[in-house]
């Protein structure tokens, strides 16, 4: 099987699996809920969850069911083998003692942690300070709501968002899924300063999703670091995509602004569909088998799609063999265009 057929077959398998997960989780196509930002109420409560009985509850789900809008749930250290769902809540904060202290492992359902479910969404919900392990191929599922914030969460598996406005994923580690690290279907949001690694695909955008990717490190992905399909739109600023099957693939009518990124040691830097629309500037591509390729059976080089200010400079990482993708003080990627440095991580001199 040639590479084109192999990629198309894999792409078909990937989206079939996504469809299966959606059906398993929701059973129906979710209606789009446009959430409106509201202020939390002044009378709020703090609930504690502890396995040893020293808190208000021993189960996370019990605390969520009891909580009202504006409340905070604090989770003490331990492994919680339960299916957790947050829905019909507004301005709820769920905070664990730390991603190396609190573990949600799931029990019976596809997905250990759900935020929103059909037909009920959740708005302005913050999850932080815990590790969530995949169950049935899904780690975190976000459905039918708005203003969902994952911060300093370690997800061992996929994060999947469908029909959600304003998903913000920040300072998280997302790794080791059976398919994709982060998938957005008809959703909007941002991913900032995350580490995404060891997946088939890093980030996949579909439908009418519109997402900003800023200062993420995506490495050791079997296929593309970023896969864009349908009419999805993205702003891709100062990320580091290294040691992947590919950099960024623009399929169908995808649109993107791509600036200040490092893309290297991959089979390709950028892969363009004829109908895709991109604006590239100040990206550096190095040690790829091809930098700018046209999607098709032969993967034809298409250098005219390159940004006029793109470069082919080696970044000078501190220790890429050990996954340290910071820039050395003598890196050629400092003070490029309007950027103090290219890529996701500050150089040693800025530490």
Foldseek 3Di string as FASTA:
>chain_A
DDPQVVVVVLVVVQVVVVVVLCCQFAVDAEDFDDDDDDDFDPDEEEFEAPCVPPTPYPAPQVVLVPGAEQYEYEYEFDEHAAAEEHWPYENYEYEYPAQVGYEQEYHPGFERYEQQYPHTHYYQYEYEGHEFEGDNQYTYEHEHEENYEYERYEYQGAYEYESYEAYEYEAYEFENTAAERYEYENYEYEYAAYEFEHHQEYYEYDDAYEYEYALYEYEHHAAEPYEYDDAYEYEYAQAEYEHYQEYYEHPDAYEYEHEQAEHEPHQEHYEYEPNYYYAYAHYEYEHYVYYYFYDDDVRHHDCVPHHPHYYHADQQFPCVVVPRRAHEPPGPQAPRDPDRGGHRHHHPVVD
